[in-house]
């Protein structure tokens, strides 16, 4: 069963131009996210214009997919704004462009009030691991994110709407 059929969809804002998740960025990945309240998931097909060698997806694009899903996991599961502090990616298997991939991210550990360790796994539709990631994310309350100009009022309004139906 597809993740879209078994998991809760998370709304994506249409008012920004994020390369990874904006539905209006025609050059981007247009990722959509789903949750089971324990992890955040996405399915993505990497377009041909983001290839590296031949028909293999560029490693930076794979890293972006993992980082974005890990960021969404931090934002949704911890109910905070976050920024990537560190990110490591282990590339296990080449990813072909035009191939549907599945990604899952979850929170592994909270480090005090301001950091979270998050992991991500990118798999092909046969369940084979193509890349794994681990990251540390700095977390911010919405008020601090606004004060530091990480988020504006419009973004925070959308952010709060994520939790209205939970």
N, C-alpha and C. Protein backbone atom coordinates (compact mmCIF):
# COMPACT_ATOMS: atom_id res chain seq x y z
N UNK A 1 0.84 -1.18 0.00
CA UNK A 1 0.00 0.00 0.00
C UNK A 1 0.89 1.24 0.00
N UNK A 2 0.56 2.21 -0.82
CA UNK A 2 1.32 3.46 -0.92
C UNK A 2 1.23 4.25 0.39
N UNK A 3 2.30 4.99 0.70
CA UNK A 3 2.27 5.77 1.93
C UNK A 3 1.16 6.82 1.90
N UNK A 4 0.82 7.30 0.71
CA UNK A 4 -0.25 8.29 0.59
C UNK A 4 -1.59 7.72 1.04
N UNK A 5 -1.75 6.42 0.98
CA UNK A 5 -3.01 5.77 1.34
C UNK A 5 -3.07 5.35 2.80
N UNK A 6 -1.93 5.22 3.45
CA UNK A 6 -1.93 4.71 4.83
C UNK A 6 -1.48 5.72 5.88
N UNK A 7 -1.03 6.89 5.44
CA UNK A 7 -0.51 7.88 6.38
C UNK A 7 -1.23 9.21 6.25
N UNK A 8 -1.12 10.03 7.29
CA UNK A 8 -1.73 11.36 7.31
C UNK A 8 -0.87 12.32 6.47
N UNK A 9 -1.47 13.01 5.50
CA UNK A 9 -0.71 14.00 4.72
C UNK A 9 -0.44 15.25 5.54
N UNK A 10 0.71 15.86 5.33
CA UNK A 10 1.05 17.14 5.95
C UNK A 10 0.95 18.22 4.88
N UNK A 11 0.29 19.33 5.19
CA UNK A 11 0.10 20.37 4.18
C UNK A 11 1.40 21.10 3.88
N UNK A 12 1.62 21.37 2.60
CA UNK A 12 2.77 22.14 2.16
C UNK A 12 2.32 23.56 1.83
N UNK A 13 3.09 24.52 2.24
CA UNK A 13 2.77 25.91 1.94
C UNK A 13 3.04 26.20 0.47
N UNK A 14 2.15 26.94 -0.15
CA UNK A 14 2.34 27.32 -1.55
C UNK A 14 2.91 28.73 -1.69
N UNK A 15 3.22 29.36 -0.57
CA UNK A 15 3.64 30.76 -0.63
C UNK A 15 5.16 30.93 -0.58
N UNK A 16 5.90 29.89 -0.81
CA UNK A 16 7.36 30.00 -0.80
C UNK A 16 7.91 29.28 -2.02
N UNK A 17 9.21 29.30 -2.19
CA UNK A 17 9.81 28.73 -3.40
C UNK A 17 10.87 27.69 -3.07
N UNK A 18 10.70 26.97 -1.96
CA UNK A 18 11.69 25.98 -1.53
C UNK A 18 11.98 24.97 -2.64
N UNK A 19 13.25 24.75 -2.91
CA UNK A 19 13.68 23.80 -3.93
C UNK A 19 13.14 22.39 -3.64
N UNK A 20 13.10 22.01 -2.39
CA UNK A 20 12.70 20.64 -2.05
C UNK A 20 11.19 20.46 -1.99
N UNK A 21 10.48 21.38 -1.32
CA UNK A 21 9.06 21.08 -1.05
C UNK A 21 8.03 22.02 -1.64
N UNK A 22 8.42 23.10 -2.26
CA UNK A 22 7.41 24.00 -2.80
C UNK A 22 6.73 23.41 -4.03
N UNK A 23 5.40 23.35 -4.01
CA UNK A 23 4.70 22.84 -5.19
C UNK A 23 4.78 23.80 -6.38
N UNK A 24 5.18 25.03 -6.14
CA UNK A 24 5.25 26.00 -7.25
C UNK A 24 6.63 26.14 -7.86
N UNK A 25 7.64 25.50 -7.26
CA UNK A 25 9.00 25.55 -7.82
C UNK A 25 9.12 24.48 -8.90
N UNK A 26 8.97 24.88 -10.14
CA UNK A 26 8.94 23.91 -11.25
C UNK A 26 10.28 23.22 -11.49
N UNK A 27 11.37 23.81 -11.01
CA UNK A 27 12.68 23.18 -11.15
C UNK A 27 13.02 22.28 -9.97
N UNK A 28 12.17 22.31 -8.93
CA UNK A 28 12.46 21.59 -7.70
C UNK A 28 11.90 20.18 -7.64
N UNK A 29 11.94 19.62 -6.45
CA UNK A 29 11.50 18.24 -6.22
C UNK A 29 10.01 18.12 -5.90
N UNK A 30 9.40 19.19 -5.44
CA UNK A 30 7.97 19.23 -5.11
C UNK A 30 7.57 18.10 -4.18
N UNK A 31 8.36 17.88 -3.15
CA UNK A 31 8.12 16.80 -2.20
C UNK A 31 6.85 17.05 -1.39
N UNK A 32 6.15 15.98 -1.09
CA UNK A 32 4.99 16.01 -0.21
C UNK A 32 5.33 15.09 0.97
N UNK A 33 4.76 15.40 2.14
CA UNK A 33 5.11 14.68 3.34
C UNK A 33 3.90 14.07 4.01
N UNK A 34 4.16 12.97 4.73
CA UNK A 34 3.13 12.19 5.39
C UNK A 34 3.68 11.74 6.75
N UNK A 35 2.79 11.43 7.68
CA UNK A 35 3.25 10.99 8.99
C UNK A 35 2.36 9.90 9.56
N UNK A 36 2.98 9.10 10.42
CA UNK A 36 2.25 8.15 11.26
C UNK A 36 2.36 8.59 12.72
N UNK A 37 2.79 9.82 12.95
CA UNK A 37 3.02 10.46 14.24
C UNK A 37 4.27 9.94 14.94
N UNK A 38 5.01 9.02 14.31
CA UNK A 38 6.28 8.53 14.85
C UNK A 38 7.44 8.89 13.93
N UNK A 39 7.14 9.10 12.66
CA UNK A 39 8.13 9.42 11.65
C UNK A 39 7.47 10.26 10.57
N UNK A 40 8.29 10.84 9.69
CA UNK A 40 7.80 11.58 8.53
C UNK A 40 8.32 10.87 7.28
N UNK A 41 7.45 10.76 6.28
CA UNK A 41 7.74 10.00 5.07
C UNK A 41 7.49 10.87 3.84
N UNK A 42 8.14 10.49 2.75
CA UNK A 42 7.86 11.11 1.46
C UNK A 42 8.19 10.10 0.36
N UNK A 43 7.61 10.33 -0.79
CA UNK A 43 7.95 9.57 -2.01
C UNK A 43 8.32 10.61 -3.04
N UNK A 44 9.40 10.36 -3.75
CA UNK A 44 9.89 11.36 -4.69
C UNK A 44 10.53 10.66 -5.88
N UNK A 45 10.31 11.23 -7.03
CA UNK A 45 10.99 10.79 -8.25
C UNK A 45 11.92 11.91 -8.66
N UNK A 46 13.20 11.60 -8.77
CA UNK A 46 14.20 12.63 -9.10
C UNK A 46 14.16 12.88 -10.60
N UNK A 47 13.90 14.14 -11.01
CA UNK A 47 13.80 14.44 -12.44
C UNK A 47 15.16 14.41 -13.14
N UNK A 48 15.13 14.23 -14.44
CA UNK A 48 16.34 14.06 -15.25
C UNK A 48 17.30 15.25 -15.16
N UNK A 49 16.79 16.45 -14.98
CA UNK A 49 17.69 17.61 -14.94
C UNK A 49 18.52 17.68 -13.66
N UNK A 50 18.33 16.74 -12.73
CA UNK A 50 19.10 16.72 -11.49
C UNK A 50 20.06 15.52 -11.43
N UNK A 51 20.46 15.06 -12.59
CA UNK A 51 21.36 13.90 -12.61
C UNK A 51 22.81 14.32 -12.39
N UNK A 52 23.59 13.33 -12.01
CA UNK A 52 25.04 13.47 -11.92
C UNK A 52 25.60 12.74 -13.13
N UNK A 53 26.29 11.65 -12.92
CA UNK A 53 26.80 10.82 -14.00
C UNK A 53 25.67 10.08 -14.70
N UNK A 54 25.67 10.10 -16.01
CA UNK A 54 24.68 9.37 -16.82
C UNK A 54 23.28 9.54 -16.24
N UNK A 55 22.63 8.46 -15.85
CA UNK A 55 21.28 8.53 -15.31
C UNK A 55 21.25 8.35 -13.80
N UNK A 56 22.34 8.67 -13.14
CA UNK A 56 22.42 8.53 -11.68
C UNK A 56 22.13 9.88 -11.03
N UNK A 57 21.29 9.86 -10.00
CA UNK A 57 20.95 11.10 -9.30
C UNK A 57 22.19 11.70 -8.65
N UNK A 58 22.28 13.01 -8.68
CA UNK A 58 23.39 13.73 -8.07
C UNK A 58 23.33 13.54 -6.54
N UNK A 59 24.49 13.32 -5.93
CA UNK A 59 24.55 13.11 -4.48
C UNK A 59 24.02 14.28 -3.68
N UNK A 60 24.19 15.49 -4.19
CA UNK A 60 23.65 16.66 -3.51
C UNK A 60 22.13 16.66 -3.47
N UNK A 61 21.51 16.12 -4.51
CA UNK A 61 20.06 16.03 -4.55
C UNK A 61 19.58 14.97 -3.55
N UNK A 62 20.28 13.86 -3.48
CA UNK A 62 19.94 12.82 -2.50
C UNK A 62 20.08 13.39 -1.09
N UNK A 63 21.15 14.14 -0.85
CA UNK A 63 21.35 14.77 0.46
C UNK A 63 20.22 15.74 0.77
N UNK A 64 19.79 16.50 -0.23
CA UNK A 64 18.68 17.45 -0.05
C UNK A 64 17.40 16.72 0.33
N UNK A 65 17.10 15.63 -0.32
CA UNK A 65 15.89 14.85 -0.02
C UNK A 65 15.91 14.39 1.43
N UNK A 66 17.05 13.85 1.86
CA UNK A 66 17.17 13.38 3.24
C UNK A 66 17.08 14.55 4.22
N UNK A 67 17.80 15.63 3.96
CA UNK A 67 17.80 16.79 4.84
C UNK A 67 16.41 17.39 4.97
N UNK A 68 15.70 17.50 3.87
CA UNK A 68 14.36 18.09 3.90
C UNK A 68 13.40 17.24 4.73
N UNK A 69 13.47 15.94 4.54
CA UNK A 69 12.57 15.05 5.29
C UNK A 69 12.92 15.05 6.77
N UNK A 70 14.20 15.11 7.08
CA UNK A 70 14.63 15.19 8.48
C UNK A 70 14.18 16.52 9.10
N UNK A 71 14.25 17.60 8.34
CA UNK A 71 13.77 18.89 8.82
C UNK A 71 12.27 18.88 9.08
N UNK A 72 11.52 18.25 8.19
CA UNK A 72 10.07 18.13 8.40
C UNK A 72 9.77 17.26 9.62
N UNK A 73 10.55 16.21 9.83
CA UNK A 73 10.36 15.36 11.01
C UNK A 73 10.57 16.18 12.28
N UNK A 74 11.62 16.99 12.28
CA UNK A 74 11.89 17.83 13.45
C UNK A 74 10.76 18.83 13.66
N UNK A 75 10.37 19.49 12.59
CA UNK A 75 9.33 20.50 12.69
C UNK A 75 8.01 19.90 13.16
N UNK A 76 7.58 18.82 12.54
CA UNK A 76 6.27 18.28 12.85
C UNK A 76 6.26 17.49 14.16
N UNK A 77 7.19 16.57 14.31
CA UNK A 77 7.15 15.68 15.48
C UNK A 77 7.54 16.39 16.77
N UNK A 78 8.42 17.40 16.69
CA UNK A 78 8.82 18.13 17.90
C UNK A 78 8.08 19.46 18.06
N UNK A 79 7.29 19.82 17.05
CA UNK A 79 6.51 21.06 17.10
C UNK A 79 7.41 22.28 17.32
N UNK A 80 8.43 22.40 16.46
CA UNK A 80 9.36 23.52 16.56
C UNK A 80 9.87 23.88 15.17
N UNK A 81 10.51 25.02 15.08
CA UNK A 81 11.21 25.43 13.87
C UNK A 81 12.63 24.90 14.03
N UNK A 82 13.25 24.48 12.94
CA UNK A 82 14.61 23.95 13.08
C UNK A 82 15.47 24.32 11.88
N UNK A 83 16.76 24.28 12.11
CA UNK A 83 17.75 24.46 11.06
C UNK A 83 18.78 23.34 11.18
N UNK A 84 19.26 22.87 10.06
CA UNK A 84 20.28 21.82 10.07
C UNK A 84 21.58 22.38 10.62
N UNK A 85 22.13 21.68 11.59
CA UNK A 85 23.43 22.04 12.16
C UNK A 85 24.52 21.19 11.54
N UNK A 86 24.31 19.88 11.50
CA UNK A 86 25.24 18.96 10.85
C UNK A 86 24.44 17.92 10.09
N UNK A 87 25.03 17.40 9.03
CA UNK A 87 24.38 16.36 8.24
C UNK A 87 25.45 15.46 7.65
N UNK A 88 25.31 14.17 7.86
CA UNK A 88 26.19 13.20 7.21
C UNK A 88 25.33 12.26 6.39
N UNK A 89 25.83 11.88 5.25
CA UNK A 89 25.10 10.98 4.36
C UNK A 89 26.02 9.84 3.96
N UNK A 90 25.52 8.63 4.09
CA UNK A 90 26.22 7.44 3.61
C UNK A 90 25.48 6.95 2.37
N UNK A 91 26.16 6.99 1.24
CA UNK A 91 25.57 6.55 -0.02
C UNK A 91 25.83 5.06 -0.16
N UNK A 92 24.76 4.27 -0.17
CA UNK A 92 24.88 2.81 -0.18
C UNK A 92 24.73 2.21 -1.57
N UNK A 93 23.93 2.84 -2.40
CA UNK A 93 23.59 2.27 -3.71
C UNK A 93 23.21 3.42 -4.64
N UNK A 94 23.65 3.40 -5.90
CA UNK A 94 23.26 4.48 -6.83
C UNK A 94 21.74 4.57 -6.98
N UNK A 95 21.29 5.79 -7.16
CA UNK A 95 19.87 6.07 -7.37
C UNK A 95 19.70 6.55 -8.80
N UNK A 96 18.88 5.88 -9.56
CA UNK A 96 18.62 6.27 -10.95
C UNK A 96 17.60 7.40 -10.98
N UNK A 97 17.84 8.37 -11.88
CA UNK A 97 16.83 9.41 -12.05
C UNK A 97 15.57 8.77 -12.64
N UNK A 98 14.44 9.39 -12.39
CA UNK A 98 13.18 8.89 -12.91
C UNK A 98 12.63 7.70 -12.14
N UNK A 99 13.29 7.31 -11.05
CA UNK A 99 12.86 6.16 -10.26
C UNK A 99 12.18 6.66 -8.99
N UNK A 100 11.04 6.08 -8.66
CA UNK A 100 10.33 6.44 -7.45
C UNK A 100 11.12 5.96 -6.23
N UNK A 101 11.35 6.86 -5.29
CA UNK A 101 12.08 6.55 -4.07
C UNK A 101 11.20 6.87 -2.86
N UNK A 102 11.47 6.20 -1.75
CA UNK A 102 10.75 6.46 -0.51
C UNK A 102 11.76 6.88 0.55
N UNK A 103 11.39 7.86 1.34
CA UNK A 103 12.28 8.36 2.38
C UNK A 103 11.51 8.42 3.70
N UNK A 104 12.22 8.09 4.78
CA UNK A 104 11.65 8.09 6.12
C UNK A 104 12.63 8.75 7.07
N UNK A 105 12.11 9.60 7.95
CA UNK A 105 12.95 10.26 8.95
C UNK A 105 12.26 10.22 10.30
N UNK A 106 13.08 10.07 11.34
CA UNK A 106 12.54 10.05 12.70
C UNK A 106 13.53 10.68 13.66
N UNK A 107 13.00 11.09 14.79
CA UNK A 107 13.80 11.69 15.85
C UNK A 107 14.46 10.56 16.64
N UNK A 108 15.76 10.66 16.82
CA UNK A 108 16.47 9.65 17.60
C UNK A 108 16.70 10.10 19.04
N UNK A 109 17.00 11.39 19.22
CA UNK A 109 17.36 11.85 20.56
C UNK A 109 17.18 13.36 20.65
N UNK A 110 16.74 13.80 21.80
CA UNK A 110 16.70 15.23 22.11
C UNK A 110 17.89 15.54 22.99
N UNK A 111 18.61 16.60 22.65
CA UNK A 111 19.77 17.03 23.43
C UNK A 111 19.44 18.38 24.06
N UNK A 112 18.95 18.35 25.24
CA UNK A 112 18.53 19.58 25.89
C UNK A 112 17.32 20.17 25.19
N UNK A 113 17.20 21.48 25.27
CA UNK A 113 16.04 22.16 24.68
C UNK A 113 16.28 22.64 23.26
N UNK A 114 17.52 22.57 22.77
CA UNK A 114 17.82 23.24 21.51
C UNK A 114 18.38 22.35 20.42
N UNK A 115 18.51 21.04 20.65
CA UNK A 115 19.07 20.17 19.62
C UNK A 115 18.33 18.84 19.56
N UNK A 116 18.27 18.33 18.35
CA UNK A 116 17.68 17.01 18.12
C UNK A 116 18.56 16.24 17.15
N UNK A 117 18.75 14.96 17.43
CA UNK A 117 19.43 14.07 16.49
C UNK A 117 18.35 13.35 15.70
N UNK A 118 18.48 13.40 14.38
CA UNK A 118 17.46 12.87 13.48
C UNK A 118 18.14 11.96 12.46
N UNK A 119 17.43 10.89 12.08
CA UNK A 119 17.99 10.05 11.01
C UNK A 119 17.05 9.99 9.84
N UNK A 120 17.61 9.64 8.70
CA UNK A 120 16.83 9.51 7.48
C UNK A 120 17.32 8.31 6.68
N UNK A 121 16.39 7.68 5.98
CA UNK A 121 16.72 6.53 5.14
C UNK A 121 16.00 6.70 3.81
N UNK A 122 16.75 6.59 2.71
CA UNK A 122 16.19 6.63 1.36
C UNK A 122 16.23 5.23 0.79
N UNK A 123 15.05 4.73 0.39
CA UNK A 123 14.94 3.37 -0.14
C UNK A 123 14.31 3.39 -1.52
N UNK A 124 14.65 2.36 -2.30
CA UNK A 124 13.93 2.17 -3.55
C UNK A 124 12.61 1.47 -3.23
N UNK A 125 11.77 1.30 -4.21
CA UNK A 125 10.45 0.72 -3.94
C UNK A 125 10.50 -0.76 -3.60
N UNK A 126 11.67 -1.38 -3.76
CA UNK A 126 11.85 -2.76 -3.29
C UNK A 126 12.30 -2.79 -1.83
N UNK A 127 12.47 -1.63 -1.23
CA UNK A 127 12.88 -1.55 0.16
C UNK A 127 14.38 -1.57 0.38
N UNK A 128 15.17 -1.57 -0.69
CA UNK A 128 16.63 -1.57 -0.55
C UNK A 128 17.12 -0.18 -0.19
N UNK A 129 17.99 -0.11 0.81
CA UNK A 129 18.53 1.18 1.26
C UNK A 129 19.53 1.71 0.24
N UNK A 130 19.29 2.92 -0.23
CA UNK A 130 20.18 3.59 -1.18
C UNK A 130 21.06 4.62 -0.49
N UNK A 131 20.55 5.25 0.58
CA UNK A 131 21.32 6.23 1.33
C UNK A 131 20.75 6.34 2.74
N UNK A 132 21.64 6.62 3.68
CA UNK A 132 21.24 6.84 5.07
C UNK A 132 21.87 8.14 5.53
N UNK A 133 21.18 8.83 6.42
CA UNK A 133 21.71 10.10 6.92
C UNK A 133 21.48 10.22 8.42
N UNK A 134 22.29 11.06 9.01
CA UNK A 134 22.16 11.41 10.42
C UNK A 134 22.44 12.90 10.52
N UNK A 135 21.65 13.58 11.32
CA UNK A 135 21.86 15.01 11.43
C UNK A 135 21.54 15.52 12.81
N UNK A 136 22.12 16.66 13.12
CA UNK A 136 21.78 17.40 14.32
C UNK A 136 21.06 18.66 13.86
N UNK A 137 19.91 18.90 14.45
CA UNK A 137 19.10 20.05 14.10
C UNK A 137 18.97 20.95 15.31
N UNK A 138 19.23 22.24 15.11
CA UNK A 138 19.01 23.23 16.15
C UNK A 138 17.53 23.59 16.12
N UNK A 139 16.89 23.59 17.26
CA UNK A 139 15.45 23.85 17.32
C UNK A 139 15.19 25.23 17.93
N UNK A 140 14.10 25.83 17.47
CA UNK A 140 13.71 27.16 17.91
C UNK A 140 12.21 27.17 18.16
N UNK A 141 11.79 27.90 19.15
CA UNK A 141 10.36 28.16 19.31
C UNK A 141 9.96 29.10 18.18
N UNK A 142 8.67 29.16 17.84
CA UNK A 142 8.25 30.11 16.81
C UNK A 142 8.62 31.56 17.15
N UNK A 143 8.52 31.93 18.42
CA UNK A 143 8.85 33.31 18.80
C UNK A 143 10.33 33.61 18.56
N UNK A 144 11.21 32.68 18.91
CA UNK A 144 12.64 32.88 18.69
C UNK A 144 12.95 32.87 17.19
N UNK A 145 12.30 31.97 16.44
CA UNK A 145 12.51 31.93 14.99
C UNK A 145 12.13 33.27 14.35
N UNK A 146 11.07 33.89 14.84
CA UNK A 146 10.66 35.20 14.31
C UNK A 146 11.67 36.28 14.70
N UNK A 147 12.11 36.26 15.95
CA UNK A 147 13.08 37.26 16.42
C UNK A 147 14.40 37.17 15.65
N UNK A 148 14.82 35.95 15.32
CA UNK A 148 16.07 35.74 14.58
C UNK A 148 15.90 35.87 13.07
N UNK A 149 14.67 36.15 12.63
CA UNK A 149 14.33 36.32 11.21
C UNK A 149 14.52 35.03 10.40
N UNK A 150 14.34 33.91 11.08
CA UNK A 150 14.32 32.60 10.43
C UNK A 150 12.94 32.39 9.79
N UNK A 151 11.93 32.97 10.42
CA UNK A 151 10.55 32.84 9.94
C UNK A 151 9.84 34.17 10.09
N UNK A 152 8.97 34.47 9.11
CA UNK A 152 8.16 35.69 9.20
C UNK A 152 6.75 35.31 9.64
N UNK A 153 5.88 36.31 9.78
CA UNK A 153 4.52 36.07 10.25
C UNK A 153 3.76 35.11 9.34
N UNK A 154 3.93 35.27 8.02
CA UNK A 154 3.22 34.41 7.08
C UNK A 154 3.65 32.95 7.23
N UNK A 155 4.95 32.72 7.35
CA UNK A 155 5.45 31.36 7.52
C UNK A 155 4.97 30.77 8.84
N UNK A 156 4.96 31.57 9.89
CA UNK A 156 4.51 31.07 11.20
C UNK A 156 3.02 30.76 11.20
N UNK A 157 2.24 31.53 10.45
CA UNK A 157 0.81 31.23 10.33
C UNK A 157 0.62 29.86 9.69
N UNK A 158 1.36 29.60 8.60
CA UNK A 158 1.30 28.28 7.97
C UNK A 158 1.78 27.19 8.93
N UNK A 159 2.89 27.44 9.62
CA UNK A 159 3.46 26.48 10.56
C UNK A 159 2.41 26.08 11.61
N UNK A 160 1.71 27.03 12.19
CA UNK A 160 0.69 26.72 13.20
C UNK A 160 -0.47 25.92 12.60
N UNK A 161 -0.74 26.11 11.31
CA UNK A 161 -1.84 25.35 10.67
C UNK A 161 -1.52 23.87 10.58
N UNK A 162 -0.25 23.50 10.64
CA UNK A 162 0.13 22.08 10.61
C UNK A 162 -0.51 21.30 11.75
N UNK A 163 -0.74 21.97 12.86
CA UNK A 163 -1.17 21.28 14.08
C UNK A 163 -2.64 21.48 14.41
N UNK A 164 -3.36 22.20 13.55
CA UNK A 164 -4.78 22.47 13.83
C UNK A 164 -5.64 21.22 13.77
N UNK A 165 -5.23 20.22 12.98
CA UNK A 165 -6.06 19.02 12.85
C UNK A 165 -5.51 17.85 13.65
N UNK A 166 -4.49 18.08 14.47
CA UNK A 166 -3.92 16.97 15.26
C UNK A 166 -4.40 17.01 16.68
